Amino acid sequence: MLVQRAPLAGYTHYEAPSLWPRFRTGDRLDLSREPDNPHDARAIAVRWQQHRIGYLPRAENDAVSQAMDEGSRVEARIGRLRDDPDPRHRIEIEVFLLP
């Protein structure tokens, strides 16, 4: 079940710019909770093939972080790629709650 669509936060601060030509719509993304993150106790890091590319946006990560903390299985993928001059609009992430 699709539970969230969100832009990738932190695109320019991690490895996403150098990996941009390799990304494809539908690519699997790995999500990992970072409860000790000093900027956001609900932080969820996003990785593509073991490369950190950013985070789920802080303003939109409550439901997914709560589900992960409760042991629910989640899966994510690249839902859309746009060659937008604003890096905040380049990658849209889709997050699914698994049965």
C-alpha atoms as a PDB file:
ATOM      1  CA  MET A   1       0.000   0.000   0.000  1.00  0.00           C
ATOM      2  CA  LEU A   2       1.381   3.382  -1.006  1.00  0.00           C
ATOM      3  CA  VAL A   3       1.547   5.553   2.129  1.00  0.00           C
ATOM      4  CA  GLN A   4       3.632   8.513   1.024  1.00  0.00           C
ATOM      5  CA  ARG A   5       4.990  10.436  -1.943  1.00  0.00           C
ATOM      6  CA  ALA A   6       7.607  13.005  -1.025  1.00  0.00           C
ATOM      7  CA  PRO A   7      10.515  14.885  -2.520  1.00  0.00           C
ATOM      8  CA  LEU A   8      13.994  13.827  -1.482  1.00  0.00           C
ATOM      9  CA  ALA A   9      15.352  16.220   1.156  1.00  0.00           C
ATOM     10  CA  GLY A  10      19.042  17.065   1.246  1.00  0.00           C
ATOM     11  CA  TYR A  11      19.745  16.282  -2.412  1.00  0.00           C
ATOM     12  CA  THR A  12      22.737  18.634  -2.634  1.00  0.00           C
ATOM     13  CA  HIS A  13      24.244  17.582   0.724  1.00  0.00           C
ATOM     14  CA  TYR A  14      24.842  13.908  -0.027  1.00  0.00           C
ATOM     15  CA  GLU A  15      25.742  11.723  -3.013  1.00  0.00           C
ATOM     16  CA  ALA A  16      22.665  12.338  -5.169  1.00  0.00           C
ATOM     17  CA  PRO A  17      24.215  14.939  -7.521  1.00  0.00           C
ATOM     18  CA  SER A  18      27.070  12.656  -8.562  1.00  0.00           C
ATOM     19  CA  LEU A  19      24.734   9.671  -8.947  1.00  0.00           C
ATOM     20  CA  TRP A  20      21.968  11.548 -10.818  1.00  0.00           C
ATOM     21  CA  PRO A  21      22.788  10.079 -14.284  1.00  0.00           C
ATOM     22  CA  ARG A  22      22.445   6.543 -12.894  1.00  0.00           C
ATOM     23  CA  PHE A  23      19.024   6.919 -11.249  1.00  0.00           C
ATOM     24  CA  ARG A  24      15.981   5.354 -12.907  1.00  0.00           C
ATOM     25  CA  THR A  25      12.295   5.614 -12.063  1.00  0.00           C
ATOM     26  CA  GLY A  26      11.357   2.520 -10.106  1.00  0.00           C
ATOM     27  CA  ASP A  27      14.801   2.010  -8.551  1.00  0.00           C
ATOM     28  CA  ARG A  28      14.599   0.537  -5.073  1.00  0.00           C
ATOM     29  CA  LEU A  29      15.599   2.770  -2.174  1.00  0.00           C
ATOM     30  CA  ASP A  30      16.566   1.683   1.321  1.00  0.00           C
ATOM     31  CA  LEU A  31      15.187   3.576   4.300  1.00  0.00           C
ATOM     32  CA  SER A  32      16.827   3.589   7.717  1.00  0.00           C
ATOM     33  CA  ARG A  33      15.710   5.269  10.918  1.00  0.00           C
ATOM     34  CA  GLU A  34      18.088   7.612  12.707  1.00  0.00           C
ATOM     35  CA  PRO A  35      16.449   8.212  16.100  1.00  0.00           C
ATOM     36  CA  ASP A  36      19.674   9.773  17.421  1.00  0.00           C
ATOM     37  CA  ASN A  37      19.878  12.311  14.589  1.00  0.00           C
ATOM     38  CA  PRO A  38      20.584  15.679  16.275  1.00  0.00           C
ATOM     39  CA  HIS A  39      18.370  17.595  13.813  1.00  0.00           C
ATOM     40  CA  ASP A  40      15.319  15.306  13.760  1.00  0.00           C
ATOM     41  CA  ALA A  41      14.439  12.456  16.129  1.00  0.00           C
ATOM     42  CA  ARG A  42      12.164  11.032  13.399  1.00  0.00           C
ATOM     43  CA  ALA A  43      14.855  11.180  10.693  1.00  0.00           C
ATOM     44  CA  ILE A  44      14.769   8.581   7.927  1.00  0.00           C
ATOM     45  CA  ALA A  45      17.856   8.334   5.737  1.00  0.00           C
ATOM     46  CA  VAL A  46      17.415   7.349   2.084  1.00  0.00           C
ATOM     47  CA  ARG A  47      20.008   5.204   0.325  1.00  0.00           C
ATOM     48  CA  TRP A  48      20.325   4.061  -3.272  1.00  0.00           C
ATOM     49  CA  GLN A  49      22.607   1.065  -3.750  1.00  0.00           C
ATOM     50  CA  GLN A  50      24.219   1.752  -0.356  1.00  0.00           C
ATOM     51  CA  HIS A  51      24.874   5.428  -1.179  1.00  0.00           C
ATOM     52  CA  ARG A  52      23.221   7.996   1.081  1.00  0.00           C
ATOM     53  CA  ILE A  53      21.322  10.345  -1.196  1.00  0.00           C
ATOM     54  CA  GLY A  54      19.257  12.275   1.364  1.00  0.00           C
ATOM     55  CA  TYR A  55      16.316  12.021   3.742  1.00  0.00           C
ATOM     56  CA  LEU A  56      12.546  11.897   3.789  1.00  0.00           C
ATOM     57  CA  PRO A  57      11.469  15.484   4.470  1.00  0.00           C
ATOM     58  CA  ARG A  58      11.228  16.311   8.178  1.00  0.00           C
ATOM     59  CA  ALA A  59       7.753  17.789   7.762  1.00  0.00           C
ATOM     60  CA  GLU A  60       6.483  14.551   6.219  1.00  0.00           C
ATOM     61  CA  ASN A  61       8.239  11.723   8.066  1.00  0.00           C
ATOM     62  CA  ASP A  62       6.034  11.205  11.152  1.00  0.00           C
ATOM     63  CA  ALA A  63       3.811   8.398   9.874  1.00  0.00           C
ATOM     64  CA  VAL A  64       6.618   6.437   8.203  1.00  0.00           C
ATOM     65  CA  SER A  65       8.984   6.769  11.171  1.00  0.00           C
ATOM     66  CA  GLN A  66       6.236   5.647  13.543  1.00  0.00           C
ATOM     67  CA  ALA A  67       5.456   2.643  11.343  1.00  0.00           C
ATOM     68  CA  MET A  68       9.146   1.708  11.205  1.00  0.00           C
ATOM     69  CA  ASP A  69       9.500   2.103  14.991  1.00  0.00           C
ATOM     70  CA  GLU A  70       6.518  -0.232  15.479  1.00  0.00           C
ATOM     71  CA  GLY A  71       8.216  -2.882  13.345  1.00  0.00           C
ATOM     72  CA  SER A  72       6.166  -2.456  10.181  1.00  0.00           C
ATOM     73  CA  ARG A  73       7.927  -3.327   6.968  1.00  0.00           C
ATOM     74  CA  VAL A  74       8.309  -0.480   4.509  1.00  0.00           C
ATOM     75  CA  GLU A  75       9.703  -0.312   1.023  1.00  0.00           C
ATOM     76  CA  ALA A  76      10.625   2.690  -1.080  1.00  0.00           C
ATOM     77  CA  ARG A  77      11.439   3.458  -4.688  1.00  0.00           C
ATOM     78  CA  ILE A  78      12.079   6.364  -6.983  1.00  0.00           C
ATOM     79  CA  GLY A  79       8.630   7.404  -8.130  1.00  0.00           C
ATOM     80  CA  ARG A  80       9.624  10.213 -10.447  1.00  0.00           C
ATOM     81  CA  LEU A  81      12.728  11.942 -11.751  1.00  0.00           C
ATOM     82  CA  ARG A  82      12.703  15.482 -13.094  1.00  0.00           C
ATOM     83  CA  ASP A  83      15.647  17.407 -14.469  1.00  0.00           C
ATOM     84  CA  ASP A  84      14.464  20.454 -12.540  1.00  0.00           C
ATOM     85  CA  PRO A  85      16.852  23.350 -11.820  1.00  0.00           C
ATOM     86  CA  ASP A  86      15.628  23.240  -8.202  1.00  0.00           C
ATOM     87  CA  PRO A  87      17.198  20.114  -6.654  1.00  0.00           C
ATOM     88  CA  ARG A  88      14.303  19.853  -4.185  1.00  0.00           C
ATOM     89  CA  HIS A  89      12.086  18.820  -7.097  1.00  0.00           C
ATOM     90  CA  ARG A  90      14.386  16.337  -8.824  1.00  0.00           C
ATOM     91  CA  ILE A  91      13.530  13.070  -7.047  1.00  0.00           C
ATOM     92  CA  GLU A  92      10.134  12.000  -5.783  1.00  0.00           C
ATOM     93  CA  ILE A  93      10.138   9.040  -3.410  1.00  0.00           C
ATOM     94  CA  GLU A  94       7.256   6.598  -3.016  1.00  0.00           C
ATOM     95  CA  VAL A  95       6.996   4.730   0.284  1.00  0.00           C
ATOM     96  CA  PHE A  96       4.930   1.564   0.651  1.00  0.00           C
ATOM     97  CA  LEU A  97       3.726  -0.250   3.752  1.00  0.00           C
ATOM     98  CA  LEU A  98       4.109  -4.001   3.247  1.00  0.00           C
ATOM     99  CA  PRO A  99       1.729  -6.632   4.642  1.00  0.00           C
END
